[in-house]
PDB file of N, CA and C in Angstrom:
ATOM      1  N   MET A   1     207.353  55.244 269.936  1.00  0.00           N
ATOM      2  CA  MET A   1     206.425  56.222 270.502  1.00  0.00           C
ATOM      3  C   MET A   1     205.919  57.336 268.625  1.00  0.00           C
ATOM      4  N   VAL A   2     204.692  57.811 268.843  1.00  0.00           N
ATOM      5  CA  VAL A   2     204.540  59.012 267.924  1.00  0.00           C
ATOM      6  C   VAL A   2     205.403  59.730 268.977  1.00  0.00           C
ATOM      7  N   ARG A   3     205.270  61.658 268.578  1.00  0.00           N
ATOM      8  CA  ARG A   3     204.937  62.378 269.115  1.00  0.00           C
ATOM      9  C   ARG A   3     203.888  64.028 268.729  1.00  0.00           C
ATOM     10  N   SER A   4     203.835  63.306 268.244  1.00  0.00           N
ATOM     11  CA  SER A   4     202.917  64.282 267.248  1.00  0.00           C
ATOM     12  C   SER A   4     201.649  63.220 266.417  1.00  0.00           C
ATOM     13  N   ILE A   5     200.135  64.279 265.764  1.00  0.00           N
ATOM     14  CA  ILE A   5     199.614  63.760 264.725  1.00  0.00           C
ATOM     15  C   ILE A   5     199.862  63.602 263.223  1.00  0.00           C
ATOM     16  N   LYS A   6     200.763  64.470 262.992  1.00  0.00           N
ATOM     17  CA  LYS A   6     202.275  64.378 261.998  1.00  0.00           C
ATOM     18  C   LYS A   6     202.624  62.959 261.575  1.00  0.00           C
ATOM     19  N   GLU A   7     202.663  63.043 262.537  1.00  0.00           N
ATOM     20  CA  GLU A   7     203.643  61.654 262.633  1.00  0.00           C
ATOM     21  C   GLU A   7     202.865  60.214 262.802  1.00  0.00           C
ATOM     22  N   ILE A   8     201.503  59.947 262.932  1.00  0.00           N
ATOM     23  CA  ILE A   8     200.746  59.415 262.963  1.00  0.00           C
ATOM     24  C   ILE A   8     199.805  59.492 262.111  1.00  0.00           C
ATOM     25  N   ASN A   9     200.237  60.398 261.055  1.00  0.00           N
ATOM     26  CA  ASN A   9     199.839  60.748 259.864  1.00  0.00           C
ATOM     27  C   ASN A   9     200.424  60.225 258.649  1.00  0.00           C
ATOM     28  N   ASP A  10     202.017  60.097 258.945  1.00  0.00           N
ATOM     29  CA  ASP A  10     202.238  60.089 258.146  1.00  0.00           C
ATOM     30  C   ASP A  10     202.374  58.293 258.251  1.00  0.00           C
ATOM     31  N   LYS A  11     202.526  57.851 258.909  1.00  0.00           N
ATOM     32  CA  LYS A  11     202.195  56.768 258.583  1.00  0.00           C
ATOM     33  C   LYS A  11     201.272  54.858 257.917  1.00  0.00           C
ATOM     34  N   TYR A  12     200.429  56.710 257.007  1.00  0.00           N
ATOM     35  CA  TYR A  12     199.235  56.404 256.819  1.00  0.00           C
ATOM     36  C   TYR A  12     198.887  56.519 255.105  1.00  0.00           C
ATOM     37  N   ASP A  13     198.782  55.978 254.273  1.00  0.00           N
ATOM     38  CA  ASP A  13     198.489  56.686 252.765  1.00  0.00           C
ATOM     39  C   ASP A  13     196.671  57.592 252.541  1.00  0.00           C
ATOM     40  N   TYR A  14     196.306  58.176 252.322  1.00  0.00           N
ATOM     41  CA  TYR A  14     195.125  58.205 252.060  1.00  0.00           C
ATOM     42  C   TYR A  14     194.972  58.705 250.827  1.00  0.00           C
ATOM     43  N   ASP A  15     193.912  58.803 250.249  1.00  0.00           N
ATOM     44  CA  ASP A  15     193.325  59.441 249.395  1.00  0.00           C
ATOM     45  C   ASP A  15     191.757  59.215 248.914  1.00  0.00           C
ATOM     46  N   ASP A  16     191.367  60.761 248.733  1.00  0.00           N
ATOM     47  CA  ASP A  16     190.015  61.025 249.432  1.00  0.00           C
ATOM     48  C   ASP A  16     189.229  60.992 248.132  1.00  0.00           C
ATOM     49  N   GLU A  17     188.726  59.928 247.806  1.00  0.00           N
ATOM     50  CA  GLU A  17     187.915  59.822 246.260  1.00  0.00           C
ATOM     51  C   GLU A  17     186.058  59.942 246.322  1.00  0.00           C
ATOM     52  N   TYR A  18     186.255  60.103 247.379  1.00  0.00           N
ATOM     53  CA  TYR A  18     184.519  60.766 247.437  1.00  0.00           C
ATOM     54  C   TYR A  18     184.683  61.236 248.833  1.00  0.00           C
ATOM     55  N   PRO A  19     184.947  63.014 248.345  1.00  0.00           N
ATOM     56  CA  PRO A  19     184.972  64.215 249.876  1.00  0.00           C
ATOM     57  C   PRO A  19     184.150  64.326 250.279  1.00  0.00           C
ATOM     58  N   GLN A  20     183.199  63.925 251.357  1.00  0.00           N
ATOM     59  CA  GLN A  20     182.583  63.951 251.466  1.00  0.00           C
ATOM     60  C   GLN A  20     181.429  63.173 250.913  1.00  0.00           C
ATOM     61  N   GLY A  21     181.256  62.048 250.423  1.00  0.00           N
ATOM     62  CA  GLY A  21     180.756  61.001 249.550  1.00  0.00           C
ATOM     63  C   GLY A  21     179.603  60.475 250.683  1.00  0.00           C
ATOM     64  N   GLU A  22     178.924  59.952 249.779  1.00  0.00           N
ATOM     65  CA  GLU A  22     178.093  58.714 250.683  1.00  0.00           C
ATOM     66  C   GLU A  22     178.425  57.966 251.979  1.00  0.00           C
ATOM     67  N   GLY A  23     178.667  58.194 253.280  1.00  0.00           N
ATOM     68  CA  GLY A  23     179.135  57.350 254.157  1.00  0.00           C
ATOM     69  C   GLY A  23     179.810  57.503 254.786  1.00  0.00           C
ATOM     70  N   ASP A  24     180.722  59.062 253.985  1.00  0.00           N
ATOM     71  CA  ASP A  24     181.803  59.524 254.115  1.00  0.00           C
ATOM     72  C   ASP A  24     181.858  59.693 255.675  1.00  0.00           C
ATOM     73  N   SER A  25     180.756  60.837 256.324  1.00  0.00           N
ATOM     74  CA  SER A  25     181.082  60.979 257.876  1.00  0.00           C
ATOM     75  C   SER A  25     180.985  60.088 258.814  1.00  0.00           C
ATOM     76  N   GLU A  26     180.495  59.043 258.722  1.00  0.00           N
ATOM     77  CA  GLU A  26     180.501  57.514 259.759  1.00  0.00           C
ATOM     78  C   GLU A  26     181.714  56.750 260.100  1.00  0.00           C
ATOM     79  N   GLN A  27     183.045  57.418 258.993  1.00  0.00           N
ATOM     80  CA  GLN A  27     183.927  56.630 258.576  1.00  0.00           C
ATOM     81  C   GLN A  27     185.378  57.751 259.747  1.00  0.00           C
ATOM     82  N   VAL A  28     186.317  57.596 259.889  1.00  0.00           N
ATOM     83  CA  VAL A  28     187.434  57.830 260.249  1.00  0.00           C
ATOM     84  C   VAL A  28     188.238  57.840 259.627  1.00  0.00           C
ATOM     85  N   ALA A  29     189.147  58.775 258.654  1.00  0.00           N
ATOM     86  CA  ALA A  29     190.664  58.428 257.873  1.00  0.00           C
ATOM     87  C   ALA A  29     191.581  58.789 258.747  1.00  0.00           C
ATOM     88  N   CYS A  30     192.360  58.342 259.140  1.00  0.00           N
ATOM     89  CA  CYS A  30     194.351  58.158 259.183  1.00  0.00           C
ATOM     90  C   CYS A  30     194.751  58.631 258.172  1.00  0.00           C
ATOM     91  N   GLY A  31     195.274  59.705 258.149  1.00  0.00           N
ATOM     92  CA  GLY A  31     196.321  60.495 257.583  1.00  0.00           C
ATOM     93  C   GLY A  31     195.457  61.322 256.835  1.00  0.00           C
ATOM     94  N   GLN A  32     196.471  62.537 255.766  1.00  0.00           N
ATOM     95  CA  GLN A  32     196.244  63.225 255.977  1.00  0.00           C
ATOM     96  C   GLN A  32     195.849  63.405 254.194  1.00  0.00           C
ATOM     97  N   ASN A  33     194.911  64.815 253.364  1.00  0.00           N
ATOM     98  CA  ASN A  33     194.867  64.584 252.547  1.00  0.00           C
ATOM     99  C   ASN A  33     194.481  66.093 251.725  1.00  0.00           C
ATOM    100  N   GLY A  34     195.704  66.289 251.100  1.00  0.00           N
ATOM    101  CA  GLY A  34     195.728  67.575 250.714  1.00  0.00           C
ATOM    102  C   GLY A  34     195.846  68.461 252.681  1.00  0.00           C
ATOM    103  N   THR A  35     194.798  69.439 252.388  1.00  0.00           N
ATOM    104  CA  THR A  35     194.881  70.354 253.661  1.00  0.00           C
ATOM    105  C   THR A  35     193.916  69.725 254.677  1.00  0.00           C
ATOM    106  N   TYR A  36     193.161  68.854 254.559  1.00  0.00           N
ATOM    107  CA  TYR A  36     191.703  67.541 254.921  1.00  0.00           C
ATOM    108  C   TYR A  36     193.289  66.910 255.836  1.00  0.00           C
ATOM    109  N   ASN A  37     192.387  67.099 257.718  1.00  0.00           N
ATOM    110  CA  ASN A  37     193.151  66.265 258.292  1.00  0.00           C
ATOM    111  C   ASN A  37     192.231  66.020 259.568  1.00  0.00           C
ATOM    112  N   GLU A  38     192.054  64.722 259.186  1.00  0.00           N
ATOM    113  CA  GLU A  38     190.660  64.607 260.632  1.00  0.00           C
ATOM    114  C   GLU A  38     191.481  64.268 261.521  1.00  0.00           C
ATOM    115  N   LEU A  39     192.487  63.887 261.971  1.00  0.00           N
ATOM    116  CA  LEU A  39     192.841  63.487 263.209  1.00  0.00           C
ATOM    117  C   LEU A  39     193.271  64.884 264.026  1.00  0.00           C
ATOM    118  N   GLN A  40     193.911  65.707 263.375  1.00  0.00           N
ATOM    119  CA  GLN A  40     193.943  67.319 263.826  1.00  0.00           C
ATOM    120  C   GLN A  40     192.754  67.806 264.386  1.00  0.00           C
ATOM    121  N   TYR A  41     191.355  67.903 263.632  1.00  0.00           N
ATOM    122  CA  TYR A  41     189.961  68.131 263.910  1.00  0.00           C
ATOM    123  C   TYR A  41     189.221  67.179 265.082  1.00  0.00           C
ATOM    124  N   ILE A  42     189.250  65.661 264.923  1.00  0.00           N
ATOM    125  CA  ILE A  42     189.520  65.299 266.562  1.00  0.00           C
ATOM    126  C   ILE A  42     189.949  65.608 267.262  1.00  0.00           C
ATOM    127  N   TYR A  43     191.323  65.774 267.314  1.00  0.00           N
ATOM    128  CA  TYR A  43     192.311  66.179 269.263  1.00  0.00           C
ATOM    129  C   TYR A  43     191.732  67.689 268.481  1.00  0.00           C
ATOM    130  N   ASP A  44     191.286  68.839 268.022  1.00  0.00           N
ATOM    131  CA  ASP A  44     191.245  70.017 267.799  1.00  0.00           C
ATOM    132  C   ASP A  44     189.459  70.574 268.935  1.00  0.00           C
ATOM    133  N   ASN A  45     188.494  69.638 268.675  1.00  0.00           N
ATOM    134  CA  ASN A  45     187.557  69.478 268.818  1.00  0.00           C
ATOM    135  C   ASN A  45     186.861  68.802 270.551  1.00  0.00           C
ATOM    136  N   TYR A  46     187.648  67.490 270.397  1.00  0.00           N
ATOM    137  CA  TYR A  46     187.146  66.001 272.071  1.00  0.00           C
ATOM    138  C   TYR A  46     188.348  65.934 272.687  1.00  0.00           C
ATOM    139  N   LEU A  47     189.221  66.183 271.673  1.00  0.00           N
ATOM    140  CA  LEU A  47     191.269  65.773 272.417  1.00  0.00           C
ATOM    141  C   LEU A  47     191.861  66.895 273.870  1.00  0.00           C
ATOM    142  N   LYS A  48     192.080  68.392 273.047  1.00  0.00           N
ATOM    143  CA  LYS A  48     192.647  68.864 273.548  1.00  0.00           C
ATOM    144  C   LYS A  48     191.629  70.743 274.648  1.00  0.00           C
ATOM    145  N   PRO A  49     189.744  70.434 274.342  1.00  0.00           N
ATOM    146  CA  PRO A  49     189.547  70.537 276.091  1.00  0.00           C
ATOM    147  C   PRO A  49     189.689  69.974 277.287  1.00  0.00           C
ATOM    148  N   GLU A  50     189.541  68.195 276.964  1.00  0.00           N
ATOM    149  CA  GLU A  50     190.406  68.327 278.172  1.00  0.00           C
ATOM    150  C   GLU A  50     191.505  67.934 278.371  1.00  0.00           C
ATOM    151  N   ILE A  51     192.432  68.210 277.419  1.00  0.00           N
ATOM    152  CA  ILE A  51     193.191  68.737 278.090  1.00  0.00           C
ATOM    153  C   ILE A  51     193.668  69.885 278.466  1.00  0.00           C
ATOM    154  N   ASP A  52     192.850  70.831 278.064  1.00  0.00           N
ATOM    155  CA  ASP A  52     193.146  72.367 279.197  1.00  0.00           C
ATOM    156  C   ASP A  52     192.366  71.880 280.162  1.00  0.00           C
ATOM    157  N   LYS A  53     191.331  71.010 280.386  1.00  0.00           N
ATOM    158  CA  LYS A  53     190.861  70.219 282.068  1.00  0.00           C
ATOM    159  C   LYS A  53     191.723  69.231 282.522  1.00  0.00           C
ATOM    160  N   LYS A  54     192.990  69.714 282.137  1.00  0.00           N
ATOM    161  CA  LYS A  54     193.765  68.850 282.711  1.00  0.00           C
ATOM    162  C   LYS A  54     193.629  67.089 283.358  1.00  0.00           C
ATOM    163  N   LYS A  55     192.829  66.814 282.136  1.00  0.00           N
ATOM    164  CA  LYS A  55     192.387  65.113 282.268  1.00  0.00           C
ATOM    165  C   LYS A  55     192.867  64.480 281.990  1.00  0.00           C
ATOM    166  N   ILE A  56     193.204  64.812 280.821  1.00  0.00           N
ATOM    167  CA  ILE A  56     193.981  64.211 280.129  1.00  0.00           C
ATOM    168  C   ILE A  56     195.519  64.983 279.661  1.00  0.00           C
ATOM    169  N   THR A  57     196.563  63.958 279.010  1.00  0.00           N
ATOM    170  CA  THR A  57     197.878  64.686 278.740  1.00  0.00           C
ATOM    171  C   THR A  57     197.654  65.158 277.295  1.00  0.00           C
ATOM    172  N   LYS A  58     198.395  65.767 276.493  1.00  0.00           N
ATOM    173  CA  LYS A  58     198.710  66.091 274.830  1.00  0.00           C
ATOM    174  C   LYS A  58     198.740  64.237 274.518  1.00  0.00           C
ATOM    175  N   GLN A  59     200.538  63.830 275.549  1.00  0.00           N
ATOM    176  CA  GLN A  59     201.152  62.193 274.739  1.00  0.00           C
ATOM    177  C   GLN A  59     199.614  61.777 275.532  1.00  0.00           C
ATOM    178  N   ASP A  60     198.727  61.195 275.979  1.00  0.00           N
ATOM    179  CA  ASP A  60     197.966  60.315 276.455  1.00  0.00           C
ATOM    180  C   ASP A  60     197.203  60.625 275.090  1.00  0.00           C
ATOM    181  N   ALA A  61     196.678  61.492 273.857  1.00  0.00           N
ATOM    182  CA  ALA A  61     195.983  61.965 273.280  1.00  0.00           C
ATOM    183  C   ALA A  61     196.059  61.712 272.445  1.00  0.00           C
ATOM    184  N   ILE A  62     197.738  62.050 271.555  1.00  0.00           N
ATOM    185  CA  ILE A  62     198.545  61.263 270.611  1.00  0.00           C
ATOM    186  C   ILE A  62     198.338  59.524 270.980  1.00  0.00           C
ATOM    187  N   ASP A  63     198.949  59.252 271.833  1.00  0.00           N
ATOM    188  CA  ASP A  63     198.876  57.728 271.521  1.00  0.00           C
ATOM    189  C   ASP A  63     197.866  57.763 271.546  1.00  0.00           C
ATOM    190  N   ALA A  64     196.146  57.825 271.873  1.00  0.00           N
ATOM    191  CA  ALA A  64     195.104  57.027 272.089  1.00  0.00           C
ATOM    192  C   ALA A  64     194.550  57.567 270.801  1.00  0.00           C
ATOM    193  N   LEU A  65     194.859  58.147 270.542  1.00  0.00           N
ATOM    194  CA  LEU A  65     194.699  58.506 268.732  1.00  0.00           C
ATOM    195  C   LEU A  65     195.422  57.635 267.374  1.00  0.00           C
ATOM    196  N   ASP A  66     196.686  57.430 268.409  1.00  0.00           N
ATOM    197  CA  ASP A  66     198.162  56.282 267.008  1.00  0.00           C
ATOM    198  C   ASP A  66     197.070  54.942 267.342  1.00  0.00           C
ATOM    199  N   SER A  67     196.611  54.809 268.491  1.00  0.00           N
ATOM    200  CA  SER A  67     196.263  53.295 269.301  1.00  0.00           C
ATOM    201  C   SER A  67     195.019  52.842 268.297  1.00  0.00           C
ATOM    202  N   ALA A  68     194.340  53.966 268.550  1.00  0.00           N
ATOM    203  CA  ALA A  68     192.896  53.407 267.420  1.00  0.00           C
ATOM    204  C   ALA A  68     192.837  53.065 265.888  1.00  0.00           C
ATOM    205  N   CYS A  69     194.301  54.464 265.973  1.00  0.00           N
ATOM    206  CA  CYS A  69     194.062  53.601 263.922  1.00  0.00           C
ATOM    207  C   CYS A  69     195.185  52.110 263.777  1.00  0.00           C
ATOM    208  N   SER A  70     195.793  52.093 265.375  1.00  0.00           N
ATOM    209  CA  SER A  70     196.365  51.296 264.457  1.00  0.00           C
ATOM    210  C   SER A  70     195.717  49.920 264.380  1.00  0.00           C
ATOM    211  N   SER A  71     194.546  50.082 265.464  1.00  0.00           N
ATOM    212  CA  SER A  71     194.503  48.903 265.996  1.00  0.00           C
ATOM    213  C   SER A  71     192.829  48.351 265.466  1.00  0.00           C
ATOM    214  N   LEU A  72     192.388  49.558 265.167  1.00  0.00           N
ATOM    215  CA  LEU A  72     190.722  49.815 263.990  1.00  0.00           C
ATOM    216  C   LEU A  72     190.717  49.113 263.078  1.00  0.00           C
ATOM    217  N   SER A  73     190.271  48.022 261.810  1.00  0.00           N
ATOM    218  CA  SER A  73     190.616  48.247 260.648  1.00  0.00           C
ATOM    219  C   SER A  73     189.590  48.905 259.664  1.00  0.00           C
ATOM    220  N   ASN A  74     190.877  49.068 258.775  1.00  0.00           N
ATOM    221  CA  ASN A  74     190.477  50.531 258.287  1.00  0.00           C
ATOM    222  C   ASN A  74     189.164  49.456 256.859  1.00  0.00           C
ATOM    223  N   PRO A  75     187.915  50.283 256.858  1.00  0.00           N
ATOM    224  CA  PRO A  75     188.029  51.580 257.205  1.00  0.00           C
ATOM    225  C   PRO A  75     187.388  51.991 258.587  1.00  0.00           C
ATOM    226  N   ARG A  76     187.723  52.297 258.881  1.00  0.00           N
ATOM    227  CA  ARG A  76     187.610  52.795 261.096  1.00  0.00           C
ATOM    228  C   ARG A  76     185.877  53.133 260.295  1.00  0.00           C
ATOM    229  N   ASP A  77     185.535  53.053 261.520  1.00  0.00           N
ATOM    230  CA  ASP A  77     184.035  53.120 261.958  1.00  0.00           C
ATOM    231  C   ASP A  77     184.529  54.501 262.183  1.00  0.00           C
ATOM    232  N   ARG A  78     183.096  55.551 262.659  1.00  0.00           N
ATOM    233  CA  ARG A  78     183.488  56.793 263.235  1.00  0.00           C
ATOM    234  C   ARG A  78     183.565  56.104 264.641  1.00  0.00           C
ATOM    235  N   GLU A  79     182.231  55.651 264.808  1.00  0.00           N
ATOM    236  CA  GLU A  79     181.459  54.991 266.466  1.00  0.00           C
ATOM    237  C   GLU A  79     182.070  54.617 266.608  1.00  0.00           C
ATOM    238  N   ASP A  80     183.257  53.409 266.584  1.00  0.00           N
ATOM    239  CA  ASP A  80     183.898  52.594 267.580  1.00  0.00           C
ATOM    240  C   ASP A  80     185.335  52.600 267.524  1.00  0.00           C
ATOM    241  N   PHE A  81     186.177  54.112 266.604  1.00  0.00           N
ATOM    242  CA  PHE A  81     187.092  55.110 266.525  1.00  0.00           C
ATOM    243  C   PHE A  81     186.611  55.503 268.580  1.00  0.00           C
ATOM    244  N   TYR A  82     186.093  56.583 267.972  1.00  0.00           N
ATOM    245  CA  TYR A  82     185.704  57.239 269.644  1.00  0.00           C
ATOM    246  C   TYR A  82     185.402  56.554 270.674  1.00  0.00           C
ATOM    247  N   ASN A  83     184.526  55.587 270.170  1.00  0.00           N
ATOM    248  CA  ASN A  83     185.565  54.281 271.340  1.00  0.00           C
ATOM    249  C   ASN A  83     185.890  53.707 271.996  1.00  0.00           C
ATOM    250  N   HIS A  84     186.335  53.399 271.323  1.00  0.00           N
ATOM    251  CA  HIS A  84     187.815  53.326 271.485  1.00  0.00           C
ATOM    252  C   HIS A  84     188.346  54.815 272.159  1.00  0.00           C
ATOM    253  N   LEU A  85     188.997  56.218 271.931  1.00  0.00           N
ATOM    254  CA  LEU A  85     189.794  56.871 272.382  1.00  0.00           C
ATOM    255  C   LEU A  85     189.241  57.230 273.588  1.00  0.00           C
ATOM    256  N   GLU A  86     187.672  57.140 274.377  1.00  0.00           N
ATOM    257  CA  GLU A  86     187.551  57.352 275.446  1.00  0.00           C
ATOM    258  C   GLU A  86     187.161  56.065 276.303  1.00  0.00           C
ATOM    259  N   THR A  87     187.782  55.287 275.940  1.00  0.00           N
ATOM    260  CA  THR A  87     187.598  53.475 276.825  1.00  0.00           C
ATOM    261  C   THR A  87     189.855  53.443 277.414  1.00  0.00           C
ATOM    262  N   GLU A  88     190.288  54.612 276.141  1.00  0.00           N
ATOM    263  CA  GLU A  88     191.471  54.957 275.982  1.00  0.00           C
ATOM    264  C   GLU A  88     191.877  55.892 277.524  1.00  0.00           C
ATOM    265  N   LEU A  89     190.469  56.761 277.254  1.00  0.00           N
ATOM    266  CA  LEU A  89     191.812  57.624 278.101  1.00  0.00           C
ATOM    267  C   LEU A  89     190.450  57.810 279.182  1.00  0.00           C
ATOM    268  N   GLY A  90     189.174  57.570 279.461  1.00  0.00           N
ATOM    269  CA  GLY A  90     188.762  57.431 280.691  1.00  0.00           C
ATOM    270  C   GLY A  90     187.975  58.634 280.119  1.00  0.00           C
ATOM    271  N   ILE A  91     187.646  58.680 278.368  1.00  0.00           N
ATOM    272  CA  ILE A  91     186.875  60.644 279.531  1.00  0.00           C
ATOM    273  C   ILE A  91     185.047  60.170 278.203  1.00  0.00           C
ATOM    274  N   THR A  92     184.466  61.178 277.766  1.00  0.00           N
ATOM    275  CA  THR A  92     182.890  60.984 277.499  1.00  0.00           C
ATOM    276  C   THR A  92     183.182  61.956 276.184  1.00  0.00           C
ATOM    277  N   ILE A  93     183.095  61.866 274.577  1.00  0.00           N
ATOM    278  CA  ILE A  93     183.195  61.927 272.722  1.00  0.00           C
ATOM    279  C   ILE A  93     181.883  61.886 273.001  1.00  0.00           C
TER     280      ILE A  93
END
């Protein structure tokens, strides 16, 4: 069981060869490239508000991110990624 976004990122090698490149916004990167951490962005903007409302727990959010990263084929389509999180957590993103 992972307990942090860092632990998820550490599982994946990520080299952003096309930063903000064509089609980049349509995909989700599991892993961290320099200071860019997409999983942290998703957590902060979509999952943390649900944690604050007590609809999900922090561990639920971490587990769902880990599950999406491990079960979706790379490159991970953003819509599929968010749908996976919604299904796992029972929330709307």
